[in-house]
C-alpha atoms as a PDB file:
ATOM      1  CA  MET A   1     -14.361  -4.492   1.854  1.00  0.00           C
ATOM      2  CA  HIS A   2     -11.654  -4.649   4.508  1.00  0.00           C
ATOM      3  CA  VAL A   3      -8.642  -2.329   4.181  1.00  0.00           C
ATOM      4  CA  VAL A   4      -5.451  -3.037   6.147  1.00  0.00           C
ATOM      5  CA  VAL A   5      -2.633  -0.488   6.139  1.00  0.00           C
ATOM      6  CA  ASN A   6       0.721  -2.108   6.833  1.00  0.00           C
ATOM      7  CA  ALA A   7       3.938  -0.157   7.308  1.00  0.00           C
ATOM      8  CA  ALA A   8       7.385  -0.320   8.866  1.00  0.00           C
ATOM      9  CA  MET A   9       8.697   2.861  10.425  1.00  0.00           C
ATOM     10  CA  SER A  10      11.666   3.974  12.466  1.00  0.00           C
ATOM     11  CA  ALA A  11      11.483   4.686  16.177  1.00  0.00           C
ATOM     12  CA  ASP A  12      10.823   8.326  15.304  1.00  0.00           C
ATOM     13  CA  GLY A  13       8.035   7.544  12.826  1.00  0.00           C
ATOM     14  CA  LYS A  14       9.871   7.810   9.500  1.00  0.00           C
ATOM     15  CA  LEU A  15       9.280   5.493   6.536  1.00  0.00           C
ATOM     16  CA  SER A  16      12.641   6.328   4.939  1.00  0.00           C
ATOM     17  CA  SER A  17      15.301   9.026   4.927  1.00  0.00           C
ATOM     18  CA  ARG A  18      14.879  12.462   3.390  1.00  0.00           C
ATOM     19  CA  ARG A  19      16.354  10.983   0.184  1.00  0.00           C
ATOM     20  CA  ARG A  20      13.286   8.692   0.065  1.00  0.00           C
ATOM     21  CA  GLU A  21      15.491   5.679  -0.517  1.00  0.00           C
ATOM     22  CA  GLN A  22      14.267   2.268   0.618  1.00  0.00           C
ATOM     23  CA  LEU A  23      15.656   1.275   4.024  1.00  0.00           C
ATOM     24  CA  ALA A  24      15.572  -2.078   5.805  1.00  0.00           C
ATOM     25  CA  ILE A  25      13.789  -1.003   8.983  1.00  0.00           C
ATOM     26  CA  SER A  26      12.545  -4.469   9.951  1.00  0.00           C
ATOM     27  CA  GLY A  27      14.083  -7.942   9.778  1.00  0.00           C
ATOM     28  CA  ASP A  28      13.358 -11.488   8.664  1.00  0.00           C
ATOM     29  CA  GLU A  29      10.496 -12.078  11.108  1.00  0.00           C
ATOM     30  CA  ASP A  30       8.628  -9.021   9.909  1.00  0.00           C
ATOM     31  CA  PHE A  31       9.365  -9.751   6.254  1.00  0.00           C
ATOM     32  CA  ALA A  32       7.759 -13.188   6.738  1.00  0.00           C
ATOM     33  CA  ARG A  33       4.759 -11.588   8.485  1.00  0.00           C
ATOM     34  CA  VAL A  34       4.276  -9.168   5.591  1.00  0.00           C
ATOM     35  CA  ASP A  35       4.469 -12.034   3.109  1.00  0.00           C
ATOM     36  CA  ARG A  36       1.752 -13.902   5.041  1.00  0.00           C
ATOM     37  CA  LEU A  37      -0.406 -10.788   5.072  1.00  0.00           C
ATOM     38  CA  ARG A  38       0.017 -10.388   1.322  1.00  0.00           C
ATOM     39  CA  ALA A  39      -0.932 -14.025   0.825  1.00  0.00           C
ATOM     40  CA  LYS A  40      -4.212 -13.437   2.700  1.00  0.00           C
ATOM     41  CA  SER A  41      -5.080 -10.379   0.601  1.00  0.00           C
ATOM     42  CA  ASP A  42      -6.982  -9.986  -2.639  1.00  0.00           C
ATOM     43  CA  ALA A  43      -4.848  -7.003  -3.649  1.00  0.00           C
ATOM     44  CA  VAL A  44      -1.810  -5.027  -2.524  1.00  0.00           C
ATOM     45  CA  VAL A  45      -2.104  -1.245  -2.917  1.00  0.00           C
ATOM     46  CA  VAL A  46       0.619   1.412  -3.188  1.00  0.00           C
ATOM     47  CA  GLY A  47       0.886   4.994  -4.343  1.00  0.00           C
ATOM     48  CA  VAL A  48       2.879   5.928  -7.430  1.00  0.00           C
ATOM     49  CA  GLY A  49       5.527   7.564  -5.231  1.00  0.00           C
ATOM     50  CA  THR A  50       6.369   4.154  -3.791  1.00  0.00           C
ATOM     51  CA  VAL A  51       6.631   2.693  -7.296  1.00  0.00           C
ATOM     52  CA  LEU A  52       8.968   5.486  -8.419  1.00  0.00           C
ATOM     53  CA  ALA A  53      11.144   5.308  -5.288  1.00  0.00           C
ATOM     54  CA  ASP A  54      11.357   1.549  -4.676  1.00  0.00           C
ATOM     55  CA  ASP A  55      10.105  -0.233  -7.825  1.00  0.00           C
ATOM     56  CA  PRO A  56       8.460  -2.959  -5.689  1.00  0.00           C
ATOM     57  CA  HIS A  57       7.240  -6.245  -7.138  1.00  0.00           C
ATOM     58  CA  LEU A  58       4.491  -6.723  -4.508  1.00  0.00           C
ATOM     59  CA  THR A  59       4.215 -10.484  -4.975  1.00  0.00           C
ATOM     60  CA  VAL A  60       4.113 -13.334  -2.452  1.00  0.00           C
ATOM     61  CA  LYS A  61       7.663 -14.600  -1.989  1.00  0.00           C
ATOM     62  CA  ASP A  62       7.230 -17.858  -0.035  1.00  0.00           C
ATOM     63  CA  ASP A  63       6.661 -20.881  -2.277  1.00  0.00           C
ATOM     64  CA  ALA A  64       4.412 -22.614   0.268  1.00  0.00           C
ATOM     65  CA  LEU A  65       2.167 -19.565   0.550  1.00  0.00           C
ATOM     66  CA  ARG A  66       1.972 -19.287  -3.234  1.00  0.00           C
ATOM     67  CA  GLU A  67       1.054 -22.964  -3.534  1.00  0.00           C
ATOM     68  CA  ARG A  68      -1.595 -22.610  -0.831  1.00  0.00           C
ATOM     69  CA  ARG A  69      -3.217 -19.796  -2.795  1.00  0.00           C
ATOM     70  CA  ARG A  70      -3.238 -21.970  -5.902  1.00  0.00           C
ATOM     71  CA  ASP A  71      -4.809 -24.824  -3.935  1.00  0.00           C
ATOM     72  CA  ASP A  72      -7.573 -22.405  -2.936  1.00  0.00           C
ATOM     73  CA  GLY A  73      -8.226 -21.615  -6.588  1.00  0.00           C
ATOM     74  CA  ARG A  74      -6.561 -18.197  -6.432  1.00  0.00           C
ATOM     75  CA  PRO A  75      -3.591 -16.759  -8.349  1.00  0.00           C
ATOM     76  CA  ALA A  76      -0.182 -17.316  -6.752  1.00  0.00           C
ATOM     77  CA  SER A  77      -0.029 -13.633  -5.781  1.00  0.00           C
ATOM     78  CA  PRO A  78      -2.747 -11.056  -5.110  1.00  0.00           C
ATOM     79  CA  ALA A  79      -3.533  -8.342  -7.615  1.00  0.00           C
ATOM     80  CA  ARG A  80      -1.445  -5.185  -7.488  1.00  0.00           C
ATOM     81  CA  VAL A  81      -3.010  -1.723  -7.396  1.00  0.00           C
ATOM     82  CA  VAL A  82      -1.202   1.567  -8.009  1.00  0.00           C
ATOM     83  CA  VAL A  83      -2.896   4.875  -7.192  1.00  0.00           C
ATOM     84  CA  ASP A  84      -1.437   7.156  -9.862  1.00  0.00           C
ATOM     85  CA  SER A  85      -3.424  10.301 -10.621  1.00  0.00           C
ATOM     86  CA  SER A  86      -1.411  11.448 -13.655  1.00  0.00           C
ATOM     87  CA  GLY A  87      -0.155   8.135 -15.030  1.00  0.00           C
ATOM     88  CA  ARG A  88       3.495   8.441 -13.979  1.00  0.00           C
ATOM     89  CA  THR A  89       4.069   4.693 -13.503  1.00  0.00           C
ATOM     90  CA  PRO A  90       6.958   3.628 -15.793  1.00  0.00           C
ATOM     91  CA  THR A  91       5.972   1.028 -18.364  1.00  0.00           C
ATOM     92  CA  ASP A  92       8.911  -1.120 -17.244  1.00  0.00           C
ATOM     93  CA  ALA A  93       7.962  -0.987 -13.532  1.00  0.00           C
ATOM     94  CA  ALA A  94       8.117  -4.314 -11.709  1.00  0.00           C
ATOM     95  CA  VAL A  95       4.414  -4.088 -10.802  1.00  0.00           C
ATOM     96  CA  LEU A  96       3.521  -4.188 -14.494  1.00  0.00           C
ATOM     97  CA  ASP A  97       5.038  -7.583 -15.213  1.00  0.00           C
ATOM     98  CA  ASP A  98       2.940 -10.709 -15.706  1.00  0.00           C
ATOM     99  CA  ALA A  99       3.517 -12.159 -12.207  1.00  0.00           C
ATOM    100  CA  ALA A 100       0.084 -10.914 -11.095  1.00  0.00           C
ATOM    101  CA  ALA A 101      -2.804  -8.816 -12.335  1.00  0.00           C
ATOM    102  CA  THR A 102      -2.309  -5.048 -11.975  1.00  0.00           C
ATOM    103  CA  TYR A 103      -4.817  -2.204 -11.735  1.00  0.00           C
ATOM    104  CA  LEU A 104      -3.826   1.436 -12.203  1.00  0.00           C
ATOM    105  CA  CYS A 105      -6.160   3.983 -10.600  1.00  0.00           C
ATOM    106  CA  LEU A 106      -5.951   7.189 -12.651  1.00  0.00           C
ATOM    107  CA  SER A 107      -7.716  10.530 -12.656  1.00  0.00           C
ATOM    108  CA  GLU A 108      -9.241  12.243 -15.671  1.00  0.00           C
ATOM    109  CA  ALA A 109      -6.094  14.410 -15.765  1.00  0.00           C
ATOM    110  CA  ALA A 110      -3.884  11.506 -16.862  1.00  0.00           C
ATOM    111  CA  PRO A 111      -2.660  12.272 -20.413  1.00  0.00           C
ATOM    112  CA  VAL A 112      -3.993  10.152 -23.257  1.00  0.00           C
ATOM    113  CA  ASP A 113      -0.522   9.038 -24.375  1.00  0.00           C
ATOM    114  CA  ARG A 114       0.234   7.724 -20.887  1.00  0.00           C
ATOM    115  CA  ARG A 115      -3.100   5.911 -20.791  1.00  0.00           C
ATOM    116  CA  LEU A 116      -2.384   4.227 -24.112  1.00  0.00           C
ATOM    117  CA  ALA A 117       1.073   3.126 -23.008  1.00  0.00           C
ATOM    118  CA  LEU A 118      -0.068   1.831 -19.621  1.00  0.00           C
ATOM    119  CA  ALA A 119      -3.182   0.087 -20.966  1.00  0.00           C
ATOM    120  CA  GLU A 120      -0.874  -2.468 -22.604  1.00  0.00           C
ATOM    121  CA  HIS A 121       0.353  -3.580 -19.177  1.00  0.00           C
ATOM    122  CA  ALA A 122      -2.498  -3.059 -16.691  1.00  0.00           C
ATOM    123  CA  GLU A 123      -6.230  -2.602 -16.206  1.00  0.00           C
ATOM    124  CA  LEU A 124      -6.990   1.114 -16.004  1.00  0.00           C
ATOM    125  CA  LEU A 125      -9.609   2.466 -13.568  1.00  0.00           C
ATOM    126  CA  THR A 126     -10.483   6.155 -13.807  1.00  0.00           C
ATOM    127  CA  ALA A 127     -11.957   7.969 -10.812  1.00  0.00           C
ATOM    128  CA  GLY A 128     -11.755  11.689 -10.047  1.00  0.00           C
ATOM    129  CA  ASP A 129     -10.906  14.830 -12.005  1.00  0.00           C
ATOM    130  CA  ASP A 130      -7.435  16.069 -10.981  1.00  0.00           C
ATOM    131  CA  ARG A 131      -6.711  13.449  -8.318  1.00  0.00           C
ATOM    132  CA  VAL A 132      -7.884   9.900  -7.846  1.00  0.00           C
ATOM    133  CA  ASP A 133     -11.161   9.809  -5.931  1.00  0.00           C
ATOM    134  CA  LEU A 134     -10.333   6.988  -3.537  1.00  0.00           C
ATOM    135  CA  LEU A 135     -13.930   6.232  -2.587  1.00  0.00           C
ATOM    136  CA  ARG A 136     -14.871   5.711  -6.226  1.00  0.00           C
ATOM    137  CA  ALA A 137     -11.643   3.876  -7.032  1.00  0.00           C
ATOM    138  CA  PHE A 138     -12.020   1.432  -4.159  1.00  0.00           C
ATOM    139  CA  ALA A 139     -15.674   0.870  -5.071  1.00  0.00           C
ATOM    140  CA  ALA A 140     -14.490  -0.040  -8.581  1.00  0.00           C
ATOM    141  CA  LEU A 141     -11.922  -2.436  -7.121  1.00  0.00           C
ATOM    142  CA  GLN A 142     -14.644  -4.049  -5.036  1.00  0.00           C
ATOM    143  CA  GLU A 143     -16.692  -4.545  -8.196  1.00  0.00           C
ATOM    144  CA  GLN A 144     -13.696  -6.502  -9.524  1.00  0.00           C
ATOM    145  CA  GLY A 145     -14.063  -8.884  -6.572  1.00  0.00           C
ATOM    146  CA  LEU A 146     -11.215  -7.421  -4.517  1.00  0.00           C
ATOM    147  CA  GLU A 147     -12.560  -7.447  -0.970  1.00  0.00           C
ATOM    148  CA  ARG A 148      -9.464  -7.602   1.244  1.00  0.00           C
ATOM    149  CA  LEU A 149      -6.943  -4.879   0.431  1.00  0.00           C
ATOM    150  CA  MET A 150      -3.476  -4.510   1.936  1.00  0.00           C
ATOM    151  CA  VAL A 151      -1.979  -1.017   1.630  1.00  0.00           C
ATOM    152  CA  GLU A 152       1.818  -0.797   1.732  1.00  0.00           C
ATOM    153  CA  GLY A 153       2.378   2.952   1.380  1.00  0.00           C
ATOM    154  CA  GLY A 154       3.436   5.554   1.000  1.00  0.00           C
ATOM    155  CA  GLY A 155       2.632   8.244   3.510  1.00  0.00           C
ATOM    156  CA  GLU A 156       0.615  10.434   1.128  1.00  0.00           C
ATOM    157  CA  LEU A 157      -1.672   7.558   0.175  1.00  0.00           C
ATOM    158  CA  ILE A 158      -2.050   6.396   3.771  1.00  0.00           C
ATOM    159  CA  PHE A 159      -3.087   9.884   4.891  1.00  0.00           C
ATOM    160  CA  SER A 160      -5.567  10.155   2.028  1.00  0.00           C
ATOM    161  CA  LEU A 161      -7.119   6.787   2.898  1.00  0.00           C
ATOM    162  CA  PHE A 162      -7.595   7.825   6.526  1.00  0.00           C
ATOM    163  CA  GLU A 163      -9.021  11.146   5.316  1.00  0.00           C
ATOM    164  CA  ALA A 164     -11.530   9.249   3.157  1.00  0.00           C
ATOM    165  CA  GLY A 165     -12.475   6.958   6.056  1.00  0.00           C
ATOM    166  CA  LEU A 166     -11.419   3.847   4.160  1.00  0.00           C
ATOM    167  CA  VAL A 167      -9.024   2.259   6.678  1.00  0.00           C
ATOM    168  CA  ASP A 168     -10.226  -0.591   8.893  1.00  0.00           C
ATOM    169  CA  GLU A 169      -6.932  -1.679  10.417  1.00  0.00           C
ATOM    170  CA  LEU A 170      -3.400  -0.334  10.857  1.00  0.00           C
ATOM    171  CA  ARG A 171      -0.444  -2.631  11.455  1.00  0.00           C
ATOM    172  CA  THR A 172       2.805  -0.817  12.171  1.00  0.00           C
ATOM    173  CA  PHE A 173       6.205  -2.341  12.795  1.00  0.00           C
ATOM    174  CA  VAL A 174       8.343   0.120  14.778  1.00  0.00           C
ATOM    175  CA  GLY A 175      12.024  -0.651  14.306  1.00  0.00           C
ATOM    176  CA  PRO A 176      15.102   0.186  16.397  1.00  0.00           C
ATOM    177  CA  THR A 177      16.360   2.878  14.018  1.00  0.00           C
ATOM    178  CA  LEU A 178      16.376   6.669  14.311  1.00  0.00           C
ATOM    179  CA  ILE A 179      16.232   8.459  10.946  1.00  0.00           C
ATOM    180  CA  GLY A 180      15.249  12.058  11.632  1.00  0.00           C
ATOM    181  CA  GLY A 181      14.820  14.863   9.116  1.00  0.00           C
ATOM    182  CA  ARG A 182      11.909  17.255   8.704  1.00  0.00           C
ATOM    183  CA  ASP A 183      11.600  16.220   5.052  1.00  0.00           C
ATOM    184  CA  ALA A 184      11.708  12.473   5.641  1.00  0.00           C
ATOM    185  CA  PRO A 185       8.342  10.788   4.881  1.00  0.00           C
ATOM    186  CA  THR A 186       6.195   9.724   7.801  1.00  0.00           C
ATOM    187  CA  LEU A 187       3.442   7.164   8.190  1.00  0.00           C
ATOM    188  CA  ALA A 188       0.758   9.698   7.242  1.00  0.00           C
ATOM    189  CA  ASP A 189       1.924  12.688   5.223  1.00  0.00           C
ATOM    190  CA  GLY A 190      -0.388  14.820   3.098  1.00  0.00           C
ATOM    191  CA  GLU A 191      -1.901  18.007   4.478  1.00  0.00           C
ATOM    192  CA  GLY A 192      -2.451  16.585   7.953  1.00  0.00           C
ATOM    193  CA  PHE A 193      -5.500  16.787  10.161  1.00  0.00           C
ATOM    194  CA  VAL A 194      -6.368  19.895  12.182  1.00  0.00           C
ATOM    195  CA  ALA A 195      -9.702  18.606  13.498  1.00  0.00           C
ATOM    196  CA  ALA A 196     -11.742  15.388  13.531  1.00  0.00           C
ATOM    197  CA  PHE A 197      -8.572  13.387  14.086  1.00  0.00           C
ATOM    198  CA  PRO A 198      -8.993   9.682  13.309  1.00  0.00           C
ATOM    199  CA  THR A 199      -8.767   7.618  16.472  1.00  0.00           C
ATOM    200  CA  LEU A 200      -7.501   4.072  16.819  1.00  0.00           C
ATOM    201  CA  GLU A 201      -8.097   1.238  19.233  1.00  0.00           C
ATOM    202  CA  LEU A 202      -5.001  -0.752  20.154  1.00  0.00           C
ATOM    203  CA  GLU A 203      -5.693  -4.441  19.559  1.00  0.00           C
ATOM    204  CA  ALA A 204      -2.294  -6.095  20.015  1.00  0.00           C
ATOM    205  CA  VAL A 205       1.355  -5.427  20.836  1.00  0.00           C
ATOM    206  CA  ASP A 206       3.884  -8.051  19.734  1.00  0.00           C
ATOM    207  CA  ARG A 207       7.658  -8.031  19.988  1.00  0.00           C
ATOM    208  CA  LEU A 208       9.164  -8.860  16.596  1.00  0.00           C
ATOM    209  CA  ASP A 209      12.793  -8.878  15.459  1.00  0.00           C
ATOM    210  CA  ASP A 210      14.335  -6.033  17.485  1.00  0.00           C
ATOM    211  CA  GLY A 211      11.202  -3.905  17.375  1.00  0.00           C
ATOM    212  CA  VAL A 212       7.498  -4.058  18.074  1.00  0.00           C
ATOM    213  CA  LEU A 213       4.404  -4.681  15.964  1.00  0.00           C
ATOM    214  CA  LEU A 214       1.380  -2.544  16.839  1.00  0.00           C
ATOM    215  CA  THR A 215      -2.034  -3.612  15.569  1.00  0.00           C
ATOM    216  CA  TRP A 216      -4.785  -1.005  15.642  1.00  0.00           C
ATOM    217  CA  GLN A 217      -8.456  -0.972  14.661  1.00  0.00           C
ATOM    218  CA  THR A 218     -10.093   2.259  13.552  1.00  0.00           C
ATOM    219  CA  ASP A 219     -12.865   3.455  15.836  1.00  0.00           C
ATOM    220  CA  ASP A 220     -15.070   4.922  13.101  1.00  0.00           C
ATOM    221  CA  ARG A 221     -15.361   1.899  10.792  1.00  0.00           C
END
């Protein structure tokens, strides 16, 4: 399995404002790059916080890319995966429509009524007691034939994936915007590391739109 984390952040490392509202940090060039990356992936992964804040669709937008996937014998868009420990994903969320297959990674703590409601719209994978055990969840995804995963946020999930040692590659677009705010989400939130900090190897630096795309490989994978 190969796990790529992709994110757009402001010049000061924020994913959005303290209101956690979706902001257009990058431009058309980066949007097209993200669409190409999605098209190369078997699944696109987000945390439930991203679903609740942005209600993303997570599908391939470009018709040519969709057609190319079909020509390769694949669905027009990759599968969608939501990491949602307690089953908070709304049943009318965009990721639960029929545009692509959807997997919900739940913990044992997810209430039965939520499981029943969500099972009508997605494939449920249970891993972990109070929180999703990412190692077990990703192993289950791999058993479903999902080998190349693209993670699109948010900061809590990204931190947890680095903590679990599951990230192979980090691609970060840094845009020409300053957001600020101690409560604004960053690229890697969660508890934070105090030792054994993950280290990255810089692979490429590319100017894109009015910002820069940084491509990193993890040293310990």
